[in-house]
C-alpha atoms as a PDB file:
ATOM      1  CA  MET A   1       0.006  -0.018   0.002  1.00  0.00           C
ATOM      2  CA  SER A   2       1.294   3.474  -0.896  1.00  0.00           C
ATOM      3  CA  VAL A   3       0.491   6.996   0.283  1.00  0.00           C
ATOM      4  CA  VAL A   4      -0.181   9.800  -2.144  1.00  0.00           C
ATOM      5  CA  GLY A   5       0.245  13.539  -1.566  1.00  0.00           C
ATOM      6  CA  ASP A   6      -3.100  14.153   0.055  1.00  0.00           C
ATOM      7  CA  GLY A   7      -2.614  11.479   2.662  1.00  0.00           C
ATOM      8  CA  THR A   8      -4.909   8.995   0.942  1.00  0.00           C
ATOM      9  CA  GLU A   9      -3.748   5.369   0.963  1.00  0.00           C
ATOM     10  CA  ARG A  10      -4.086   3.242  -2.141  1.00  0.00           C
ATOM     11  CA  GLY A  11      -4.408  -0.505  -1.989  1.00  0.00           C
ATOM     12  CA  ASP A  12      -4.323  -3.130  -4.708  1.00  0.00           C
ATOM     13  CA  ALA A  13      -7.942  -2.352  -5.744  1.00  0.00           C
ATOM     14  CA  GLY A  14      -7.569   1.432  -5.903  1.00  0.00           C
ATOM     15  CA  VAL A  15      -8.374   4.123  -3.336  1.00  0.00           C
ATOM     16  CA  ASP A  16      -8.743   2.451   0.000  1.00  0.00           C
ATOM     17  CA  GLU A  17      -8.913   4.924   2.870  1.00  0.00           C
ATOM     18  CA  PRO A  18     -10.164   8.444   2.036  1.00  0.00           C
ATOM     19  CA  GLY A  19     -10.452   9.862   5.559  1.00  0.00           C
ATOM     20  CA  TRP A  20      -8.993   9.988   9.034  1.00  0.00           C
ATOM     21  CA  GLU A  21      -8.816   7.557  11.904  1.00  0.00           C
ATOM     22  CA  VAL A  22     -11.198   8.160  14.802  1.00  0.00           C
ATOM     23  CA  ASP A  23      -9.538   9.293  18.061  1.00  0.00           C
ATOM     24  CA  PRO A  24     -10.795   6.793  20.694  1.00  0.00           C
ATOM     25  CA  ASP A  25     -10.354   9.436  23.385  1.00  0.00           C
ATOM     26  CA  ASP A  26     -12.675  11.868  21.538  1.00  0.00           C
ATOM     27  CA  GLU A  27     -16.041  10.520  22.701  1.00  0.00           C
ATOM     28  CA  PRO A  28     -18.241  13.286  21.249  1.00  0.00           C
ATOM     29  CA  GLY A  29     -16.446  13.094  17.905  1.00  0.00           C
ATOM     30  CA  ALA A  30     -16.592   9.306  17.846  1.00  0.00           C
ATOM     31  CA  ALA A  31     -20.340   9.456  18.534  1.00  0.00           C
ATOM     32  CA  VAL A  32     -20.894  11.749  15.561  1.00  0.00           C
ATOM     33  CA  VAL A  33     -18.839   9.503  13.223  1.00  0.00           C
ATOM     34  CA  ALA A  34     -20.698   6.431  14.409  1.00  0.00           C
ATOM     35  CA  ALA A  35     -24.081   8.054  13.763  1.00  0.00           C
ATOM     36  CA  VAL A  36     -22.985   9.071  10.241  1.00  0.00           C
ATOM     37  CA  GLY A  37     -21.748   5.514   9.630  1.00  0.00           C
ATOM     38  CA  ARG A  38     -25.101   4.070  10.681  1.00  0.00           C
ATOM     39  CA  GLN A  39     -26.945   6.385   8.298  1.00  0.00           C
ATOM     40  CA  ILE A  40     -24.728   5.335   5.379  1.00  0.00           C
ATOM     41  CA  LYS A  41     -25.285   1.670   6.190  1.00  0.00           C
ATOM     42  CA  ALA A  42     -29.062   2.201   6.451  1.00  0.00           C
ATOM     43  CA  TRP A  43     -29.169   3.888   3.042  1.00  0.00           C
ATOM     44  CA  ARG A  44     -26.981   1.167   1.489  1.00  0.00           C
ATOM     45  CA  GLU A  45     -29.222  -1.622   2.812  1.00  0.00           C
ATOM     46  CA  ALA A  46     -32.364   0.256   1.702  1.00  0.00           C
ATOM     47  CA  ALA A  47     -30.838   0.429  -1.762  1.00  0.00           C
ATOM     48  CA  GLY A  48     -30.339  -3.357  -1.698  1.00  0.00           C
ATOM     49  CA  MET A  49     -26.569  -3.137  -2.115  1.00  0.00           C
ATOM     50  CA  ARG A  50     -23.910  -5.259  -0.457  1.00  0.00           C
ATOM     51  CA  ALA A  51     -20.870  -3.493   0.974  1.00  0.00           C
ATOM     52  CA  ALA A  52     -18.664  -4.881  -1.802  1.00  0.00           C
ATOM     53  CA  GLU A  53     -21.071  -3.598  -4.493  1.00  0.00           C
ATOM     54  CA  PHE A  54     -21.304  -0.211  -2.842  1.00  0.00           C
ATOM     55  CA  GLY A  55     -17.538  -0.046  -2.663  1.00  0.00           C
ATOM     56  CA  THR A  56     -17.154  -0.926  -6.338  1.00  0.00           C
ATOM     57  CA  ALA A  57     -19.685   1.722  -7.297  1.00  0.00           C
ATOM     58  CA  MET A  58     -17.868   4.293  -5.191  1.00  0.00           C
ATOM     59  CA  GLY A  59     -14.388   3.264  -6.293  1.00  0.00           C
ATOM     60  CA  TYR A  60     -13.344   2.225  -2.763  1.00  0.00           C
ATOM     61  CA  SER A  61     -12.536  -1.093  -1.112  1.00  0.00           C
ATOM     62  CA  GLU A  62     -15.084  -3.157   0.774  1.00  0.00           C
ATOM     63  CA  GLY A  63     -12.899  -2.809   3.866  1.00  0.00           C
ATOM     64  CA  LEU A  64     -13.154   0.967   3.734  1.00  0.00           C
ATOM     65  CA  ILE A  65     -16.956   0.758   3.518  1.00  0.00           C
ATOM     66  CA  TYR A  66     -17.094  -1.406   6.637  1.00  0.00           C
ATOM     67  CA  LYS A  67     -14.760   0.999   8.462  1.00  0.00           C
ATOM     68  CA  VAL A  68     -16.907   4.040   7.618  1.00  0.00           C
ATOM     69  CA  GLU A  69     -20.184   2.293   8.415  1.00  0.00           C
ATOM     70  CA  GLY A  70     -18.737   0.946  11.686  1.00  0.00           C
ATOM     71  CA  GLY A  71     -17.673   4.434  12.795  1.00  0.00           C
ATOM     72  CA  ARG A  72     -13.946   3.573  12.671  1.00  0.00           C
ATOM     73  CA  ARG A  73     -13.104   5.969   9.869  1.00  0.00           C
ATOM     74  CA  ILE A  74     -14.037   9.664   9.432  1.00  0.00           C
ATOM     75  CA  PRO A  75     -15.182   9.987   5.781  1.00  0.00           C
ATOM     76  CA  ARG A  76     -13.914  12.850   3.634  1.00  0.00           C
ATOM     77  CA  PRO A  77     -16.478  15.269   2.085  1.00  0.00           C
ATOM     78  CA  GLU A  78     -16.079  13.663  -1.420  1.00  0.00           C
ATOM     79  CA  PHE A  79     -16.972  10.300   0.091  1.00  0.00           C
ATOM     80  CA  MET A  80     -20.271  11.704   1.416  1.00  0.00           C
ATOM     81  CA  ASP A  81     -21.059  13.303  -1.947  1.00  0.00           C
ATOM     82  CA  GLY A  82     -20.323  10.081  -3.774  1.00  0.00           C
ATOM     83  CA  ALA A  83     -22.413   7.989  -1.324  1.00  0.00           C
ATOM     84  CA  ASP A  84     -25.308  10.335  -1.673  1.00  0.00           C
ATOM     85  CA  GLY A  85     -25.315   9.954  -5.443  1.00  0.00           C
ATOM     86  CA  VAL A  86     -24.786   6.211  -5.541  1.00  0.00           C
ATOM     87  CA  LEU A  87     -27.466   5.506  -2.924  1.00  0.00           C
ATOM     88  CA  GLY A  88     -29.933   8.054  -4.227  1.00  0.00           C
ATOM     89  CA  ALA A  89     -30.143   9.833  -0.856  1.00  0.00           C
ATOM     90  CA  GLY A  90     -31.345  13.083  -2.420  1.00  0.00           C
ATOM     91  CA  GLY A  91     -28.849  15.247  -0.573  1.00  0.00           C
ATOM     92  CA  LYS A  92     -29.485  13.784   2.874  1.00  0.00           C
ATOM     93  CA  LEU A  93     -26.106  12.090   3.160  1.00  0.00           C
ATOM     94  CA  ALA A  94     -24.254  14.995   1.546  1.00  0.00           C
ATOM     95  CA  ALA A  95     -25.810  17.272   4.084  1.00  0.00           C
ATOM     96  CA  MET A  96     -24.101  15.310   6.846  1.00  0.00           C
ATOM     97  CA  LYS A  97     -20.740  16.761   5.706  1.00  0.00           C
ATOM     98  CA  ALA A  98     -21.497  19.591   8.142  1.00  0.00           C
ATOM     99  CA  ASP A  99     -21.729  17.090  11.004  1.00  0.00           C
ATOM    100  CA  ILE A 100     -18.296  15.695  10.315  1.00  0.00           C
ATOM    101  CA  ALA A 101     -16.643  18.986   9.309  1.00  0.00           C
ATOM    102  CA  GLU A 102     -15.375  19.659  12.809  1.00  0.00           C
ATOM    103  CA  VAL A 103     -14.812  16.155  14.218  1.00  0.00           C
ATOM    104  CA  ARG A 104     -12.361  15.278  11.478  1.00  0.00           C
ATOM    105  CA  TYR A 105      -9.890  17.461  13.366  1.00  0.00           C
ATOM    106  CA  PRO A 106      -8.320  16.453  16.725  1.00  0.00           C
ATOM    107  CA  LYS A 107     -10.371  17.444  19.775  1.00  0.00           C
ATOM    108  CA  LYS A 108      -7.676  19.762  21.210  1.00  0.00           C
ATOM    109  CA  ILE A 109      -7.484  21.659  17.910  1.00  0.00           C
ATOM    110  CA  ARG A 110     -11.292  21.891  17.638  1.00  0.00           C
ATOM    111  CA  GLU A 111     -11.442  23.526  21.042  1.00  0.00           C
ATOM    112  CA  LEU A 112      -8.671  26.018  20.065  1.00  0.00           C
ATOM    113  CA  ALA A 113     -10.413  26.804  16.749  1.00  0.00           C
ATOM    114  CA  LYS A 114     -13.670  27.549  18.555  1.00  0.00           C
ATOM    115  CA  MET A 115     -11.953  30.038  20.885  1.00  0.00           C
ATOM    116  CA  GLU A 116     -10.204  31.667  17.975  1.00  0.00           C
ATOM    117  CA  ALA A 117     -13.446  31.911  16.075  1.00  0.00           C
ATOM    118  CA  ALA A 118     -15.091  33.687  18.985  1.00  0.00           C
ATOM    119  CA  ALA A 119     -12.146  35.977  19.870  1.00  0.00           C
ATOM    120  CA  VAL A 120     -12.232  39.718  19.219  1.00  0.00           C
ATOM    121  CA  GLU A 121      -8.558  40.092  19.994  1.00  0.00           C
ATOM    122  CA  LEU A 122      -5.527  37.744  19.796  1.00  0.00           C
ATOM    123  CA  SER A 123      -2.033  38.444  20.985  1.00  0.00           C
ATOM    124  CA  ALA A 124       0.727  35.864  20.464  1.00  0.00           C
ATOM    125  CA  TYR A 125       4.464  35.474  20.848  1.00  0.00           C
ATOM    126  CA  GLY A 126       6.296  32.708  18.913  1.00  0.00           C
ATOM    127  CA  SER A 127       9.807  31.696  19.860  1.00  0.00           C
ATOM    128  CA  HIS A 128      10.478  28.381  18.043  1.00  0.00           C
ATOM    129  CA  ASN A 129       8.545  28.496  14.749  1.00  0.00           C
ATOM    130  CA  ILE A 130       6.044  30.669  12.866  1.00  0.00           C
ATOM    131  CA  HIS A 131       2.681  30.898  14.623  1.00  0.00           C
ATOM    132  CA  GLY A 132       0.181  28.359  13.273  1.00  0.00           C
ATOM    133  CA  LEU A 133      -2.223  31.039  12.044  1.00  0.00           C
ATOM    134  CA  LEU A 134       0.548  32.495   9.878  1.00  0.00           C
ATOM    135  CA  GLN A 135       1.897  29.291   8.435  1.00  0.00           C
ATOM    136  CA  THR A 136       1.671  28.261   4.784  1.00  0.00           C
ATOM    137  CA  GLU A 137       0.421  24.780   4.075  1.00  0.00           C
ATOM    138  CA  GLU A 138       3.907  23.650   2.972  1.00  0.00           C
ATOM    139  CA  TYR A 139       5.553  25.016   6.128  1.00  0.00           C
ATOM    140  CA  ALA A 140       2.961  23.388   8.394  1.00  0.00           C
ATOM    141  CA  ARG A 141       3.409  20.032   6.610  1.00  0.00           C
ATOM    142  CA  ALA A 142       7.189  20.245   6.958  1.00  0.00           C
ATOM    143  CA  LEU A 143       6.850  21.176  10.638  1.00  0.00           C
ATOM    144  CA  PHE A 144       4.525  18.277  11.483  1.00  0.00           C
ATOM    145  CA  GLY A 145       6.731  15.961   9.388  1.00  0.00           C
ATOM    146  CA  MET A 146       9.713  16.753  11.662  1.00  0.00           C
ATOM    147  CA  ARG A 147       7.915  15.632  14.838  1.00  0.00           C
ATOM    148  CA  ARG A 148       9.505  12.822  16.833  1.00  0.00           C
ATOM    149  CA  PRO A 149       8.166  10.255  17.493  1.00  0.00           C
ATOM    150  CA  ALA A 150       6.984  10.622  13.911  1.00  0.00           C
ATOM    151  CA  TYR A 151       3.378  11.212  12.993  1.00  0.00           C
ATOM    152  CA  SER A 152       1.895   8.878  10.343  1.00  0.00           C
ATOM    153  CA  GLN A 153       1.182  10.478   6.935  1.00  0.00           C
ATOM    154  CA  ASP A 154      -2.492  10.272   7.833  1.00  0.00           C
ATOM    155  CA  GLU A 155      -1.925  12.215  11.069  1.00  0.00           C
ATOM    156  CA  VAL A 156       0.213  14.823   9.291  1.00  0.00           C
ATOM    157  CA  GLU A 157      -2.458  15.506   6.654  1.00  0.00           C
ATOM    158  CA  ARG A 158      -5.192  15.695   9.316  1.00  0.00           C
ATOM    159  CA  LEU A 159      -3.199  18.220  11.373  1.00  0.00           C
ATOM    160  CA  VAL A 160      -2.295  20.293   8.332  1.00  0.00           C
ATOM    161  CA  ALA A 161      -5.947  20.437   7.240  1.00  0.00           C
ATOM    162  CA  ALA A 162      -6.975  21.539  10.723  1.00  0.00           C
ATOM    163  CA  ARG A 163      -4.309  24.260  10.808  1.00  0.00           C
ATOM    164  CA  MET A 164      -5.351  25.642   7.454  1.00  0.00           C
ATOM    165  CA  ALA A 165      -9.008  25.643   8.462  1.00  0.00           C
ATOM    166  CA  ARG A 166      -8.196  27.818  11.491  1.00  0.00           C
ATOM    167  CA  GLN A 167      -6.891  30.531   9.170  1.00  0.00           C
ATOM    168  CA  SER A 168     -10.407  31.510   8.279  1.00  0.00           C
ATOM    169  CA  ILE A 169      -9.996  33.907  11.194  1.00  0.00           C
ATOM    170  CA  PHE A 170      -8.348  36.361   8.791  1.00  0.00           C
ATOM    171  CA  SER A 171     -11.532  36.685   6.666  1.00  0.00           C
ATOM    172  CA  ARG A 172     -13.997  36.973   9.505  1.00  0.00           C
ATOM    173  CA  SER A 173     -16.382  39.932   9.642  1.00  0.00           C
ATOM    174  CA  PRO A 174     -16.182  41.822  11.870  1.00  0.00           C
ATOM    175  CA  ALA A 175     -12.436  41.186  11.880  1.00  0.00           C
ATOM    176  CA  PRO A 176     -10.657  40.477  15.178  1.00  0.00           C
ATOM    177  CA  GLU A 177      -7.533  42.396  16.119  1.00  0.00           C
ATOM    178  CA  LEU A 178      -4.578  40.080  15.660  1.00  0.00           C
ATOM    179  CA  SER A 179      -1.102  40.781  16.966  1.00  0.00           C
ATOM    180  CA  PHE A 180       1.940  38.481  16.521  1.00  0.00           C
ATOM    181  CA  VAL A 181       5.491  38.840  17.713  1.00  0.00           C
ATOM    182  CA  GLN A 182       7.966  36.412  16.078  1.00  0.00           C
ATOM    183  CA  GLU A 183      11.465  35.710  17.315  1.00  0.00           C
ATOM    184  CA  GLU A 184      14.036  36.587  14.672  1.00  0.00           C
ATOM    185  CA  VAL A 185      15.318  32.996  14.555  1.00  0.00           C
ATOM    186  CA  THR A 186      11.862  31.802  13.349  1.00  0.00           C
ATOM    187  CA  LEU A 187      12.385  33.916  10.229  1.00  0.00           C
ATOM    188  CA  ARG A 188      15.847  32.603   9.544  1.00  0.00           C
ATOM    189  CA  ARG A 189      15.386  28.909  10.143  1.00  0.00           C
ATOM    190  CA  HIS A 190      14.870  27.164   6.752  1.00  0.00           C
ATOM    191  CA  LEU A 191      12.276  24.676   7.884  1.00  0.00           C
ATOM    192  CA  GLY A 192      11.126  22.593   4.920  1.00  0.00           C
ATOM    193  CA  GLY A 193      13.920  23.854   2.664  1.00  0.00           C
ATOM    194  CA  ARG A 194      14.744  27.202   1.066  1.00  0.00           C
ATOM    195  CA  MET A 195      11.725  27.492  -1.257  1.00  0.00           C
ATOM    196  CA  VAL A 196       9.244  26.598   1.509  1.00  0.00           C
ATOM    197  CA  TRP A 197      10.947  29.113   3.761  1.00  0.00           C
ATOM    198  CA  ARG A 198      10.863  31.853   1.107  1.00  0.00           C
ATOM    199  CA  ARG A 199       7.107  31.305   0.520  1.00  0.00           C
ATOM    200  CA  GLN A 200       6.575  31.469   4.278  1.00  0.00           C
ATOM    201  CA  LEU A 201       8.285  34.834   4.476  1.00  0.00           C
ATOM    202  CA  GLU A 202       6.221  36.058   1.516  1.00  0.00           C
ATOM    203  CA  ARG A 203       3.101  34.889   3.398  1.00  0.00           C
ATOM    204  CA  LEU A 204       4.074  36.970   6.430  1.00  0.00           C
ATOM    205  CA  LEU A 205       4.456  40.058   4.270  1.00  0.00           C
ATOM    206  CA  GLU A 206       1.077  39.393   2.672  1.00  0.00           C
ATOM    207  CA  VAL A 207      -0.729  38.987   5.976  1.00  0.00           C
ATOM    208  CA  SER A 208       1.021  42.036   7.478  1.00  0.00           C
ATOM    209  CA  GLU A 209      -0.822  44.182   4.887  1.00  0.00           C
ATOM    210  CA  LEU A 210      -4.225  43.395   6.482  1.00  0.00           C
ATOM    211  CA  ARG A 211      -5.462  46.365   8.514  1.00  0.00           C
ATOM    212  CA  HIS A 212      -6.406  44.274  11.522  1.00  0.00           C
ATOM    213  CA  VAL A 213      -3.119  42.359  11.682  1.00  0.00           C
ATOM    214  CA  GLU A 214       0.202  43.443  13.244  1.00  0.00           C
ATOM    215  CA  ILE A 215       3.338  41.373  12.878  1.00  0.00           C
ATOM    216  CA  GLN A 216       6.409  42.333  14.839  1.00  0.00           C
ATOM    217  CA  VAL A 217       9.912  40.880  14.993  1.00  0.00           C
ATOM    218  CA  MET A 218      11.901  40.385  18.185  1.00  0.00           C
ATOM    219  CA  PRO A 219      15.589  40.865  17.190  1.00  0.00           C
ATOM    220  CA  THR A 220      18.112  38.398  18.626  1.00  0.00           C
ATOM    221  CA  SER A 221      20.306  41.377  19.526  1.00  0.00           C
ATOM    222  CA  ARG A 222      17.943  42.642  22.214  1.00  0.00           C
ATOM    223  CA  ASP A 223      19.571  42.997  25.683  1.00  0.00           C
ATOM    224  CA  GLU A 224      16.199  42.817  27.437  1.00  0.00           C
ATOM    225  CA  HIS A 225      13.545  40.207  26.605  1.00  0.00           C
ATOM    226  CA  ALA A 226      10.356  39.452  28.587  1.00  0.00           C
ATOM    227  CA  GLY A 227       9.614  36.313  26.591  1.00  0.00           C
ATOM    228  CA  MET A 228      12.429  34.071  27.767  1.00  0.00           C
ATOM    229  CA  GLY A 229       9.910  31.751  29.342  1.00  0.00           C
ATOM    230  CA  GLY A 230       8.701  30.630  25.925  1.00  0.00           C
ATOM    231  CA  GLU A 231       5.671  31.021  23.686  1.00  0.00           C
ATOM    232  CA  MET A 232       2.434  32.685  24.977  1.00  0.00           C
ATOM    233  CA  GLN A 233      -0.914  33.749  23.718  1.00  0.00           C
ATOM    234  CA  VAL A 234      -3.971  35.679  24.925  1.00  0.00           C
ATOM    235  CA  LEU A 235      -7.470  35.509  23.442  1.00  0.00           C
ATOM    236  CA  LYS A 236     -10.084  38.078  24.412  1.00  0.00           C
ATOM    237  CA  PHE A 237     -13.849  37.770  23.839  1.00  0.00           C
ATOM    238  CA  LYS A 238     -16.674  40.293  23.358  1.00  0.00           C
ATOM    239  CA  ASP A 239     -18.166  39.511  26.797  1.00  0.00           C
ATOM    240  CA  GLY A 240     -14.963  40.806  28.420  1.00  0.00           C
ATOM    241  CA  SER A 241     -13.593  37.355  29.279  1.00  0.00           C
ATOM    242  CA  ALA A 242     -10.203  36.088  28.175  1.00  0.00           C
ATOM    243  CA  VAL A 243      -8.077  32.948  27.985  1.00  0.00           C
ATOM    244  CA  GLY A 244      -4.287  32.826  28.062  1.00  0.00           C
ATOM    245  CA  ARG A 245      -1.571  30.284  27.823  1.00  0.00           C
ATOM    246  CA  SER A 246       2.148  30.541  28.597  1.00  0.00           C
ATOM    247  CA  GLU A 247       4.653  27.861  27.833  1.00  0.00           C
ATOM    248  CA  GLY A 248       6.110  26.481  31.053  1.00  0.00           C
ATOM    249  CA  ASP A 249       3.724  28.388  33.344  1.00  0.00           C
ATOM    250  CA  PHE A 250       0.462  27.216  34.928  1.00  0.00           C
ATOM    251  CA  GLY A 251       1.049  23.725  33.587  1.00  0.00           C
ATOM    252  CA  SER A 252       1.143  25.115  30.016  1.00  0.00           C
ATOM    253  CA  ARG A 253      -2.682  24.886  30.125  1.00  0.00           C
ATOM    254  CA  PRO A 254      -5.170  27.612  29.053  1.00  0.00           C
ATOM    255  CA  VAL A 255      -6.043  29.787  32.063  1.00  0.00           C
ATOM    256  CA  SER A 256      -8.816  32.282  32.628  1.00  0.00           C
ATOM    257  CA  ASP A 257      -8.128  33.315  36.222  1.00  0.00           C
ATOM    258  CA  PRO A 258      -7.662  37.114  36.238  1.00  0.00           C
ATOM    259  CA  LYS A 259      -4.472  36.993  38.318  1.00  0.00           C
ATOM    260  CA  TYR A 260      -2.796  34.562  35.883  1.00  0.00           C
ATOM    261  CA  LEU A 261      -4.081  36.410  32.876  1.00  0.00           C
ATOM    262  CA  ARG A 262      -2.641  39.664  34.159  1.00  0.00           C
ATOM    263  CA  ILE A 263       0.811  38.065  34.245  1.00  0.00           C
ATOM    264  CA  ILE A 264       0.555  36.769  30.656  1.00  0.00           C
ATOM    265  CA  GLU A 265      -0.874  40.061  29.373  1.00  0.00           C
ATOM    266  CA  LEU A 266       1.898  42.040  31.134  1.00  0.00           C
ATOM    267  CA  ARG A 267       4.565  39.891  29.432  1.00  0.00           C
ATOM    268  CA  CYS A 268       2.880  40.130  26.030  1.00  0.00           C
ATOM    269  CA  GLY A 269       2.692  43.917  26.380  1.00  0.00           C
ATOM    270  CA  ILE A 270       6.363  44.238  27.289  1.00  0.00           C
ATOM    271  CA  ILE A 271       7.370  41.890  24.483  1.00  0.00           C
ATOM    272  CA  ARG A 272       5.536  44.082  21.951  1.00  0.00           C
ATOM    273  CA  ALA A 273       7.254  47.132  23.326  1.00  0.00           C
ATOM    274  CA  GLN A 274      10.682  45.515  23.108  1.00  0.00           C
ATOM    275  CA  ALA A 275      10.158  44.198  19.520  1.00  0.00           C
ATOM    276  CA  LEU A 276      10.572  46.135  16.326  1.00  0.00           C
ATOM    277  CA  ASN A 277       7.393  48.080  15.443  1.00  0.00           C
ATOM    278  CA  PRO A 278       5.233  46.735  12.570  1.00  0.00           C
ATOM    279  CA  GLY A 279       6.815  49.012   9.961  1.00  0.00           C
ATOM    280  CA  GLU A 280      10.351  48.135  11.031  1.00  0.00           C
ATOM    281  CA  SER A 281       9.371  44.478  11.219  1.00  0.00           C
ATOM    282  CA  ARG A 282       8.029  44.441   7.666  1.00  0.00           C
ATOM    283  CA  ALA A 283      11.293  46.006   6.445  1.00  0.00           C
ATOM    284  CA  PHE A 284      13.256  43.383   8.450  1.00  0.00           C
ATOM    285  CA  ILE A 285      11.272  40.516   6.858  1.00  0.00           C
ATOM    286  CA  GLU A 286      11.847  41.973   3.428  1.00  0.00           C
ATOM    287  CA  GLN A 287      15.584  42.179   4.186  1.00  0.00           C
ATOM    288  CA  VAL A 288      15.723  38.537   5.299  1.00  0.00           C
ATOM    289  CA  LEU A 289      13.824  37.536   2.146  1.00  0.00           C
ATOM    290  CA  GLY A 290      16.217  39.548   0.013  1.00  0.00           C
ATOM    291  CA  GLU A 291      19.232  37.803   1.534  1.00  0.00           C
ATOM    292  CA  THR A 292      18.262  34.439   0.054  1.00  0.00           C
END
């Protein structure tokens, strides 16, 4: 069995597994996938088709059909569209794409995406790599591919898809205020190779042109630096509440206690003051890009 670029596995009989494995620890997500699988099975049986016949008509293996129907595989949107047409569901199965749109991503990422989608303000400092919301697809794939112990190709593609989906925050209306401070080294490290790195720098310049986005660079030459504890982020919501996270502090977990938030916000504010301003940062990124 081989793996193609989109993470799909191909067996001897053609496309075998168009989707993602179900996380056994994600009970709500697993319940949704199981319900979708039961609906597909019910429509197949109502159509008088065996699993093997359905698989042939769909262009997938019989084993894949059993996995989807048994709730052990999260089907991709194209699978749901194909099943709807083959089984004559009149759009009812295709409509269930909305039910699996979120659960196809890991639970932790879904929770983060929901907070980002509700935030009116986001402040973040990145010390090791480009912040996820700013990453290109190529850069994200390279980053996940470097993880040790290694992710499977299926896991890499699932994580990349989730990260790209989160970037819808840039097109939201009304737009949230987004502020990023990137350590200089994150701009100079050629993760993924020179061309991937160049396109990532170009993406930073592109995003920095948005009126509601500020990108700043923290030079390595700074004598004072409030971010030596590692990455941090603060999300603020329209009801006045907020959530923060600081690497190495408070168990590295999201916190909403005002006394802890005050500490993270204080550090983020000082970091922004110590970094190059947005105009200087844009010129710095252009300079780094020009050095390649």
